[in-house]
């Protein structure tokens, strides 16, 4: 057997083991305590894209978890304003991250509104790990000791979903090591966010009906499965709630060229919102209207945390098997 064939066989077997591990570690409703949240934020993906392409992981999660397959993003569904809404729990008019933020400006200050990361630290001392693939998101997360930010962005052509999975693998290995990560974090963080814009990037370059777009969807699906396998390897998947949502849906038309006065694409506002894992109902279709703005409050609720804020994010309580046990540091009382 030549070396090339041996390498291909090893690659196939390796992928098979990852997927097999994913299928075998499905959380049971008996494991109701949620200590960790995994949040995957996609771009250029809606329910139609999931159904029409090779995305077995997401299809399985949508079927076996709690899902709203036509959740709503912001209007228009621009990437940076949508991410700001997801993180702040506020509409664009309130957090003021508008279309101008689509162009990165070094002179611009950080997002002023508090984010989910701030609330997690305030209410429970919960740390966040943030893995982004867009340098424009720098200004959405102020430098704080409770947020570990790593970027593999558009300025690095070698970056793809698999590269970011490698970053996460390295990060988790360091976190659980004896020395910890950054000399302060010694366990898997309460919230880990992975941003995956690969489908959108492929569509803008090659078109929505291109093989490149289809390939990017498959790579995104595989990356999600690979991260779940990492959590399984570190023995925390059974206490992890997973959320998959998006900033914008699949665009219309055969090409992905930019058009319009704002330099936007024909993007859809409809995005998936899928919850799966610890304390999540199986096979549940969410009845209430869902906005990506509701993601933050749902993460807080899942972890049993409460903050007295003015955000408009609302917890999607119907997805939980049982009401999460309330935890607190007592820091919330200042606002009462």
Foldseek 3Di string as FASTA:
>chain_A
DDPVVVVVVVVVVVLVVLVVLLVVPAADQVLAAAQAEEEEAEAAAAPVLCVVAPQVQVVQLVQWFEKARFAFFAVVLDPPQRVLLLFQLAHCVVQVCDLVLSDPDPPDAARDGDTLQVQCCLWPNFAEEEEEADPSCPRDDDDDPRYHYDYNYPVHVVDALVVSLVVVLVQQVQQCDPCHPPNPHNHDTRYYYHYHHQLLVQQLVQNLPDPSNSVNSRSVSSSVSNNLSSCVVVPCQNNYKYWYKYSWHNADDGGNHFDDPSRHGRIHRTMMIGIGHHQFGTRHYQDDHHYSSQNSVQSCFSNQTDADDDRNHDHSVVGGPDGHHHDGPPSRVVVD
